[in-house]
């Protein structure tokens, strides 16, 4: 049962907005559904990848969602947005390209793997963290096993889920190093390939290679999207309660 009073928070939507990216066209439907069904009102602002390069681009928002649509016009801008959310405890969701760049940011800035690259952006790089998938997931649905006791499990509410993808790239190398520095891989496909990552100790930091925004027809937000909205509202409440 939802509260009768709507709760409001600000959301940064990071990505190069396009009517040709299906997940982008879903956002208005999801925002309306969150407000009407869950009384979670998100005041959302699109931030293009180039604009995200600015130091304060996402600082002050209650949540950051890095959306699909890669290759982004500015890899640096997307990585800067991820870093700000990670370092400042701002609730974060990365889906598809957002998942890939969340891992890339963590590898470079936390693990010191400064030469790691994304094959879509730099196919000739020697150290590819994100490589072409052996079998493209573009337009596919596939099962994901969720790790027990994880944020993903608490959000999805099940040890297994079937999700939609629109992706041809995924992580491969350095996964043990990312784990050793604190990143948890909490979702895997049936072949054991990483599909969900999270950051324990962060208020809300979740990244999925699948696209929860494509679930259903947009009238019932996926639990991952709803969880981001709740985390944003909680963040807004904490900010309001801080002494001046």
C-alpha atoms as a PDB file:
ATOM      1  CA  UNK A   1       0.000   0.000   0.000  1.00  0.00           C
ATOM      2  CA  UNK A   2       1.424   3.374  -0.965  1.00  0.00           C
ATOM      3  CA  UNK A   3       1.452   6.550   1.106  1.00  0.00           C
ATOM      4  CA  UNK A   4      -1.206   9.098   0.250  1.00  0.00           C
ATOM      5  CA  UNK A   5       1.341  11.941   0.205  1.00  0.00           C
ATOM      6  CA  UNK A   6       3.655  12.067  -2.771  1.00  0.00           C
ATOM      7  CA  UNK A   7       7.373  12.289  -2.051  1.00  0.00           C
ATOM      8  CA  UNK A   8       9.637  14.232  -4.394  1.00  0.00           C
ATOM      9  CA  UNK A   9      13.291  13.947  -5.373  1.00  0.00           C
ATOM     10  CA  UNK A  10      15.533  15.148  -8.195  1.00  0.00           C
ATOM     11  CA  UNK A  11      16.944  12.711 -10.746  1.00  0.00           C
ATOM     12  CA  UNK A  12      19.790  13.221 -13.208  1.00  0.00           C
ATOM     13  CA  UNK A  13      19.282  11.210 -16.409  1.00  0.00           C
ATOM     14  CA  UNK A  14      22.737  10.963 -17.946  1.00  0.00           C
ATOM     15  CA  UNK A  15      22.931  10.082 -21.616  1.00  0.00           C
ATOM     16  CA  UNK A  16      22.571  11.475 -25.105  1.00  0.00           C
ATOM     17  CA  UNK A  17      18.804  11.643 -25.378  1.00  0.00           C
ATOM     18  CA  UNK A  18      17.405  10.244 -28.595  1.00  0.00           C
ATOM     19  CA  UNK A  19      13.950   9.230 -29.855  1.00  0.00           C
ATOM     20  CA  UNK A  20      15.669   6.241 -31.480  1.00  0.00           C
ATOM     21  CA  UNK A  21      16.733   4.738 -28.144  1.00  0.00           C
ATOM     22  CA  UNK A  22      13.773   2.774 -26.804  1.00  0.00           C
ATOM     23  CA  UNK A  23      14.792   3.086 -23.169  1.00  0.00           C
ATOM     24  CA  UNK A  24      14.827   6.883 -23.501  1.00  0.00           C
ATOM     25  CA  UNK A  25      11.268   6.933 -24.799  1.00  0.00           C
ATOM     26  CA  UNK A  26      10.183   4.848 -21.808  1.00  0.00           C
ATOM     27  CA  UNK A  27      11.321   7.379 -19.224  1.00  0.00           C
ATOM     28  CA  UNK A  28       8.212   9.633 -19.285  1.00  0.00           C
ATOM     29  CA  UNK A  29       5.965   6.572 -18.872  1.00  0.00           C
ATOM     30  CA  UNK A  30       8.017   5.312 -15.947  1.00  0.00           C
ATOM     31  CA  UNK A  31       8.075   8.697 -14.231  1.00  0.00           C
ATOM     32  CA  UNK A  32       4.303   8.974 -14.544  1.00  0.00           C
ATOM     33  CA  UNK A  33       3.791   5.451 -13.236  1.00  0.00           C
ATOM     34  CA  UNK A  34       6.093   6.035 -10.264  1.00  0.00           C
ATOM     35  CA  UNK A  35       4.143   9.152  -9.339  1.00  0.00           C
ATOM     36  CA  UNK A  36       0.701   7.607  -9.820  1.00  0.00           C
ATOM     37  CA  UNK A  37       1.273   4.078  -8.486  1.00  0.00           C
ATOM     38  CA  UNK A  38       3.943   4.616  -5.841  1.00  0.00           C
ATOM     39  CA  UNK A  39       3.593   8.306  -4.979  1.00  0.00           C
ATOM     40  CA  UNK A  40       7.265   8.731  -5.799  1.00  0.00           C
ATOM     41  CA  UNK A  41       7.670  11.956  -7.761  1.00  0.00           C
ATOM     42  CA  UNK A  42      10.983  12.360  -9.557  1.00  0.00           C
ATOM     43  CA  UNK A  43      11.870  15.775 -10.922  1.00  0.00           C
ATOM     44  CA  UNK A  44      14.041  14.507 -13.765  1.00  0.00           C
ATOM     45  CA  UNK A  45      16.621  16.401 -15.811  1.00  0.00           C
ATOM     46  CA  UNK A  46      18.441  15.074 -18.861  1.00  0.00           C
ATOM     47  CA  UNK A  47      22.180  15.711 -18.841  1.00  0.00           C
ATOM     48  CA  UNK A  48      23.993  15.085 -22.117  1.00  0.00           C
ATOM     49  CA  UNK A  49      27.290  13.240 -21.847  1.00  0.00           C
ATOM     50  CA  UNK A  50      29.318  16.321 -22.833  1.00  0.00           C
ATOM     51  CA  UNK A  51      27.568  18.408 -20.186  1.00  0.00           C
ATOM     52  CA  UNK A  52      28.297  15.720 -17.595  1.00  0.00           C
ATOM     53  CA  UNK A  53      31.990  16.583 -17.891  1.00  0.00           C
ATOM     54  CA  UNK A  54      31.382  19.673 -15.729  1.00  0.00           C
ATOM     55  CA  UNK A  55      32.506  19.170 -12.130  1.00  0.00           C
ATOM     56  CA  UNK A  56      29.089  19.943 -10.639  1.00  0.00           C
ATOM     57  CA  UNK A  57      26.973  18.358 -13.371  1.00  0.00           C
ATOM     58  CA  UNK A  58      25.233  15.791 -11.123  1.00  0.00           C
ATOM     59  CA  UNK A  59      26.257  17.091  -7.709  1.00  0.00           C
ATOM     60  CA  UNK A  60      23.180  18.100  -5.725  1.00  0.00           C
ATOM     61  CA  UNK A  61      20.853  15.567  -7.358  1.00  0.00           C
ATOM     62  CA  UNK A  62      19.109  12.931  -5.264  1.00  0.00           C
ATOM     63  CA  UNK A  63      19.864  10.161  -7.766  1.00  0.00           C
ATOM     64  CA  UNK A  64      21.820   9.550 -10.960  1.00  0.00           C
ATOM     65  CA  UNK A  65      20.726   7.144 -13.692  1.00  0.00           C
ATOM     66  CA  UNK A  66      23.187   6.514 -16.528  1.00  0.00           C
ATOM     67  CA  UNK A  67      21.001   5.273 -19.347  1.00  0.00           C
ATOM     68  CA  UNK A  68      21.727   3.174 -22.441  1.00  0.00           C
ATOM     69  CA  UNK A  69      22.627   4.768 -25.750  1.00  0.00           C
ATOM     70  CA  UNK A  70      26.347   4.126 -26.044  1.00  0.00           C
ATOM     71  CA  UNK A  71      28.708   4.941 -27.553  1.00  0.00           C
ATOM     72  CA  UNK A  72      28.164   8.193 -25.695  1.00  0.00           C
ATOM     73  CA  UNK A  73      29.397  11.390 -27.255  1.00  0.00           C
ATOM     74  CA  UNK A  74      31.624  11.875 -24.197  1.00  0.00           C
ATOM     75  CA  UNK A  75      32.950   8.840 -22.362  1.00  0.00           C
ATOM     76  CA  UNK A  76      34.696  11.210 -19.953  1.00  0.00           C
ATOM     77  CA  UNK A  77      31.414  12.883 -19.042  1.00  0.00           C
ATOM     78  CA  UNK A  78      29.670   9.615 -18.265  1.00  0.00           C
ATOM     79  CA  UNK A  79      32.591   8.411 -16.161  1.00  0.00           C
ATOM     80  CA  UNK A  80      32.615  11.720 -14.273  1.00  0.00           C
ATOM     81  CA  UNK A  81      28.915  11.342 -13.432  1.00  0.00           C
ATOM     82  CA  UNK A  82      29.468   7.790 -12.169  1.00  0.00           C
ATOM     83  CA  UNK A  83      32.404   8.900 -10.058  1.00  0.00           C
ATOM     84  CA  UNK A  84      30.497  11.742  -8.436  1.00  0.00           C
ATOM     85  CA  UNK A  85      27.604   9.458  -7.522  1.00  0.00           C
ATOM     86  CA  UNK A  86      29.963   6.798  -6.181  1.00  0.00           C
ATOM     87  CA  UNK A  87      32.153   9.124  -4.134  1.00  0.00           C
ATOM     88  CA  UNK A  88      29.393  11.342  -2.755  1.00  0.00           C
ATOM     89  CA  UNK A  89      26.896   8.636  -1.842  1.00  0.00           C
ATOM     90  CA  UNK A  90      24.276   9.691  -4.383  1.00  0.00           C
ATOM     91  CA  UNK A  91      21.913   6.821  -5.296  1.00  0.00           C
ATOM     92  CA  UNK A  92      23.048   5.445  -8.641  1.00  0.00           C
ATOM     93  CA  UNK A  93      21.643   3.188 -11.316  1.00  0.00           C
ATOM     94  CA  UNK A  94      23.467   2.239 -14.505  1.00  0.00           C
ATOM     95  CA  UNK A  95      21.696   0.156 -17.136  1.00  0.00           C
ATOM     96  CA  UNK A  96      23.283  -1.427 -20.229  1.00  0.00           C
ATOM     97  CA  UNK A  97      25.883   1.186 -21.240  1.00  0.00           C
ATOM     98  CA  UNK A  98      25.551   2.638 -17.758  1.00  0.00           C
ATOM     99  CA  UNK A  99      26.518  -0.742 -16.279  1.00  0.00           C
ATOM    100  CA  UNK A 100      29.542  -0.983 -18.562  1.00  0.00           C
ATOM    101  CA  UNK A 101      30.767   2.509 -17.703  1.00  0.00           C
ATOM    102  CA  UNK A 102      30.172   2.022 -13.967  1.00  0.00           C
ATOM    103  CA  UNK A 103      32.608  -0.894 -14.096  1.00  0.00           C
ATOM    104  CA  UNK A 104      35.034   1.085 -16.227  1.00  0.00           C
ATOM    105  CA  UNK A 105      35.001   4.015 -13.791  1.00  0.00           C
ATOM    106  CA  UNK A 106      35.578   1.699 -10.833  1.00  0.00           C
ATOM    107  CA  UNK A 107      38.429  -0.088 -12.597  1.00  0.00           C
ATOM    108  CA  UNK A 108      40.227   3.125 -13.456  1.00  0.00           C
ATOM    109  CA  UNK A 109      39.644   5.243 -10.375  1.00  0.00           C
ATOM    110  CA  UNK A 110      39.429   2.688  -7.570  1.00  0.00           C
ATOM    111  CA  UNK A 111      41.508  -0.224  -8.832  1.00  0.00           C
ATOM    112  CA  UNK A 112      44.160   1.862 -10.588  1.00  0.00           C
ATOM    113  CA  UNK A 113      43.608   0.081 -13.904  1.00  0.00           C
ATOM    114  CA  UNK A 114      43.981   3.319 -15.808  1.00  0.00           C
ATOM    115  CA  UNK A 115      44.535   1.726 -19.213  1.00  0.00           C
ATOM    116  CA  UNK A 116      41.360  -0.360 -19.264  1.00  0.00           C
ATOM    117  CA  UNK A 117      38.986   0.464 -22.085  1.00  0.00           C
ATOM    118  CA  UNK A 118      35.606  -0.241 -23.650  1.00  0.00           C
ATOM    119  CA  UNK A 119      35.791  -2.029 -27.004  1.00  0.00           C
ATOM    120  CA  UNK A 120      32.913   0.012 -28.397  1.00  0.00           C
ATOM    121  CA  UNK A 121      34.829   3.247 -27.710  1.00  0.00           C
ATOM    122  CA  UNK A 122      38.382   2.057 -28.280  1.00  0.00           C
ATOM    123  CA  UNK A 123      38.426  -1.265 -30.163  1.00  0.00           C
ATOM    124  CA  UNK A 124      42.191  -1.164 -30.637  1.00  0.00           C
ATOM    125  CA  UNK A 125      43.025  -0.818 -26.936  1.00  0.00           C
ATOM    126  CA  UNK A 126      45.333  -3.430 -25.428  1.00  0.00           C
ATOM    127  CA  UNK A 127      43.433  -3.815 -22.147  1.00  0.00           C
ATOM    128  CA  UNK A 128      39.709  -4.184 -22.783  1.00  0.00           C
ATOM    129  CA  UNK A 129      37.552  -4.417 -19.663  1.00  0.00           C
ATOM    130  CA  UNK A 130      34.343  -4.370 -21.741  1.00  0.00           C
ATOM    131  CA  UNK A 131      34.517  -6.660 -24.770  1.00  0.00           C
ATOM    132  CA  UNK A 132      32.094  -7.879 -27.454  1.00  0.00           C
ATOM    133  CA  UNK A 133      29.850 -10.613 -26.065  1.00  0.00           C
ATOM    134  CA  UNK A 134      30.347 -14.077 -27.543  1.00  0.00           C
ATOM    135  CA  UNK A 135      26.616 -14.044 -28.317  1.00  0.00           C
ATOM    136  CA  UNK A 136      24.980 -10.645 -28.776  1.00  0.00           C
ATOM    137  CA  UNK A 137      22.066  -9.993 -26.419  1.00  0.00           C
ATOM    138  CA  UNK A 138      20.474  -7.374 -28.650  1.00  0.00           C
ATOM    139  CA  UNK A 139      16.712  -7.861 -28.449  1.00  0.00           C
ATOM    140  CA  UNK A 140      16.970 -10.973 -26.257  1.00  0.00           C
ATOM    141  CA  UNK A 141      15.543 -12.055 -22.922  1.00  0.00           C
ATOM    142  CA  UNK A 142      17.672 -14.192 -20.628  1.00  0.00           C
ATOM    143  CA  UNK A 143      17.667 -15.552 -17.096  1.00  0.00           C
ATOM    144  CA  UNK A 144      19.755 -13.951 -14.358  1.00  0.00           C
ATOM    145  CA  UNK A 145      20.697 -15.689 -11.100  1.00  0.00           C
ATOM    146  CA  UNK A 146      20.759 -13.215  -8.191  1.00  0.00           C
ATOM    147  CA  UNK A 147      23.203 -13.583  -5.303  1.00  0.00           C
ATOM    148  CA  UNK A 148      21.739 -14.188  -1.843  1.00  0.00           C
ATOM    149  CA  UNK A 149      21.926 -11.325   0.625  1.00  0.00           C
ATOM    150  CA  UNK A 150      22.646  -8.779  -2.103  1.00  0.00           C
ATOM    151  CA  UNK A 151      21.054  -5.428  -2.790  1.00  0.00           C
ATOM    152  CA  UNK A 152      19.852  -6.891  -6.084  1.00  0.00           C
ATOM    153  CA  UNK A 153      18.071  -9.708  -4.267  1.00  0.00           C
ATOM    154  CA  UNK A 154      16.415  -7.320  -1.813  1.00  0.00           C
ATOM    155  CA  UNK A 155      15.233  -5.181  -4.721  1.00  0.00           C
ATOM    156  CA  UNK A 156      14.091  -7.926  -7.096  1.00  0.00           C
ATOM    157  CA  UNK A 157      12.795 -10.220  -4.366  1.00  0.00           C
ATOM    158  CA  UNK A 158      13.768 -13.435  -6.095  1.00  0.00           C
ATOM    159  CA  UNK A 159      16.891 -15.568  -6.634  1.00  0.00           C
ATOM    160  CA  UNK A 160      16.158 -15.696 -10.360  1.00  0.00           C
ATOM    161  CA  UNK A 161      14.701 -13.301 -12.878  1.00  0.00           C
ATOM    162  CA  UNK A 162      14.256 -13.094 -16.650  1.00  0.00           C
ATOM    163  CA  UNK A 163      15.259  -9.764 -18.129  1.00  0.00           C
ATOM    164  CA  UNK A 164      15.460  -7.915 -21.431  1.00  0.00           C
ATOM    165  CA  UNK A 165      18.715  -6.844 -23.036  1.00  0.00           C
ATOM    166  CA  UNK A 166      19.771  -4.672 -25.924  1.00  0.00           C
ATOM    167  CA  UNK A 167      23.488  -5.120 -25.632  1.00  0.00           C
ATOM    168  CA  UNK A 168      26.493  -6.533 -27.456  1.00  0.00           C
ATOM    169  CA  UNK A 169      29.250  -5.785 -24.918  1.00  0.00           C
ATOM    170  CA  UNK A 170      30.058  -7.070 -21.434  1.00  0.00           C
ATOM    171  CA  UNK A 171      32.836  -7.307 -18.834  1.00  0.00           C
ATOM    172  CA  UNK A 172      35.517  -9.949 -19.038  1.00  0.00           C
ATOM    173  CA  UNK A 173      38.952  -9.130 -17.620  1.00  0.00           C
ATOM    174  CA  UNK A 174      40.037  -7.915 -14.170  1.00  0.00           C
ATOM    175  CA  UNK A 175      36.867  -9.070 -12.432  1.00  0.00           C
ATOM    176  CA  UNK A 176      38.839 -10.491  -9.496  1.00  0.00           C
ATOM    177  CA  UNK A 177      40.580  -7.147  -9.071  1.00  0.00           C
ATOM    178  CA  UNK A 178      37.268  -5.293  -9.053  1.00  0.00           C
ATOM    179  CA  UNK A 179      35.972  -7.733  -6.424  1.00  0.00           C
ATOM    180  CA  UNK A 180      39.092  -7.295  -4.316  1.00  0.00           C
ATOM    181  CA  UNK A 181      38.513  -3.543  -4.252  1.00  0.00           C
ATOM    182  CA  UNK A 182      34.925  -3.882  -3.035  1.00  0.00           C
ATOM    183  CA  UNK A 183      32.649  -4.261  -6.036  1.00  0.00           C
ATOM    184  CA  UNK A 184      30.187  -7.139  -5.767  1.00  0.00           C
ATOM    185  CA  UNK A 185      28.936  -9.043  -8.784  1.00  0.00           C
ATOM    186  CA  UNK A 186      25.480 -10.040  -7.616  1.00  0.00           C
ATOM    187  CA  UNK A 187      23.889 -11.283 -10.835  1.00  0.00           C
ATOM    188  CA  UNK A 188      25.105 -13.801 -13.416  1.00  0.00           C
ATOM    189  CA  UNK A 189      23.653 -15.443 -16.482  1.00  0.00           C
ATOM    190  CA  UNK A 190      23.305 -19.203 -16.873  1.00  0.00           C
ATOM    191  CA  UNK A 191      26.912 -19.404 -18.115  1.00  0.00           C
ATOM    192  CA  UNK A 192      28.223 -17.513 -15.087  1.00  0.00           C
ATOM    193  CA  UNK A 193      28.818 -14.238 -16.924  1.00  0.00           C
ATOM    194  CA  UNK A 194      28.410 -11.036 -14.895  1.00  0.00           C
ATOM    195  CA  UNK A 195      25.118  -9.232 -15.413  1.00  0.00           C
ATOM    196  CA  UNK A 196      24.631  -7.211 -12.182  1.00  0.00           C
ATOM    197  CA  UNK A 197      27.089  -5.258 -10.038  1.00  0.00           C
ATOM    198  CA  UNK A 198      26.668  -3.313  -6.804  1.00  0.00           C
ATOM    199  CA  UNK A 199      28.770  -1.475  -4.255  1.00  0.00           C
ATOM    200  CA  UNK A 200      28.247  -2.580  -0.640  1.00  0.00           C
ATOM    201  CA  UNK A 201      28.460   0.284   1.835  1.00  0.00           C
ATOM    202  CA  UNK A 202      27.048   2.801  -0.646  1.00  0.00           C
ATOM    203  CA  UNK A 203      23.486   4.025   0.065  1.00  0.00           C
ATOM    204  CA  UNK A 204      22.342   2.642  -3.315  1.00  0.00           C
ATOM    205  CA  UNK A 205      24.690   1.727  -6.152  1.00  0.00           C
ATOM    206  CA  UNK A 206      23.357  -0.800  -8.652  1.00  0.00           C
ATOM    207  CA  UNK A 207      24.283  -1.516 -12.259  1.00  0.00           C
ATOM    208  CA  UNK A 208      22.640  -4.010 -14.622  1.00  0.00           C
ATOM    209  CA  UNK A 209      23.616  -5.112 -18.103  1.00  0.00           C
ATOM    210  CA  UNK A 210      19.920  -5.787 -18.699  1.00  0.00           C
ATOM    211  CA  UNK A 211      17.485  -2.920 -19.149  1.00  0.00           C
ATOM    212  CA  UNK A 212      14.795  -2.845 -16.448  1.00  0.00           C
ATOM    213  CA  UNK A 213      13.246   0.202 -18.089  1.00  0.00           C
ATOM    214  CA  UNK A 214      12.088  -2.078 -20.932  1.00  0.00           C
ATOM    215  CA  UNK A 215      10.099  -4.366 -18.635  1.00  0.00           C
ATOM    216  CA  UNK A 216       6.434  -4.678 -19.644  1.00  0.00           C
ATOM    217  CA  UNK A 217       4.757  -1.697 -21.253  1.00  0.00           C
ATOM    218  CA  UNK A 218       6.090   0.930 -18.840  1.00  0.00           C
ATOM    219  CA  UNK A 219       2.929   1.163 -16.763  1.00  0.00           C
ATOM    220  CA  UNK A 220       4.376  -0.916 -13.894  1.00  0.00           C
ATOM    221  CA  UNK A 221       7.969   0.135 -13.152  1.00  0.00           C
ATOM    222  CA  UNK A 222      10.447  -2.693 -12.723  1.00  0.00           C
ATOM    223  CA  UNK A 223      11.509  -3.229  -9.067  1.00  0.00           C
ATOM    224  CA  UNK A 224      14.983  -1.902  -9.892  1.00  0.00           C
ATOM    225  CA  UNK A 225      13.542   1.376 -11.192  1.00  0.00           C
ATOM    226  CA  UNK A 226      11.196   1.643  -8.220  1.00  0.00           C
ATOM    227  CA  UNK A 227      14.072   1.010  -5.824  1.00  0.00           C
ATOM    228  CA  UNK A 228      16.094   3.832  -7.374  1.00  0.00           C
ATOM    229  CA  UNK A 229      13.130   6.161  -6.943  1.00  0.00           C
ATOM    230  CA  UNK A 230      12.762   5.200  -3.284  1.00  0.00           C
ATOM    231  CA  UNK A 231      16.476   5.664  -2.686  1.00  0.00           C
ATOM    232  CA  UNK A 232      16.261   9.109  -4.301  1.00  0.00           C
ATOM    233  CA  UNK A 233      13.392  10.138  -2.044  1.00  0.00           C
ATOM    234  CA  UNK A 234      15.263   8.862   1.011  1.00  0.00           C
ATOM    235  CA  UNK A 235      18.312  10.845  -0.084  1.00  0.00           C
ATOM    236  CA  UNK A 236      16.195  13.962  -0.467  1.00  0.00           C
ATOM    237  CA  UNK A 237      14.849  13.435   3.048  1.00  0.00           C
ATOM    238  CA  UNK A 238      18.343  13.123   4.501  1.00  0.00           C
ATOM    239  CA  UNK A 239      19.428  16.317   2.770  1.00  0.00           C
ATOM    240  CA  UNK A 240      16.375  18.171   4.113  1.00  0.00           C
ATOM    241  CA  UNK A 241      17.119  17.029   7.660  1.00  0.00           C
ATOM    242  CA  UNK A 242      20.742  18.182   7.624  1.00  0.00           C
ATOM    243  CA  UNK A 243      21.394  21.265   9.752  1.00  0.00           C
ATOM    244  CA  UNK A 244      22.173  24.423   7.844  1.00  0.00           C
END
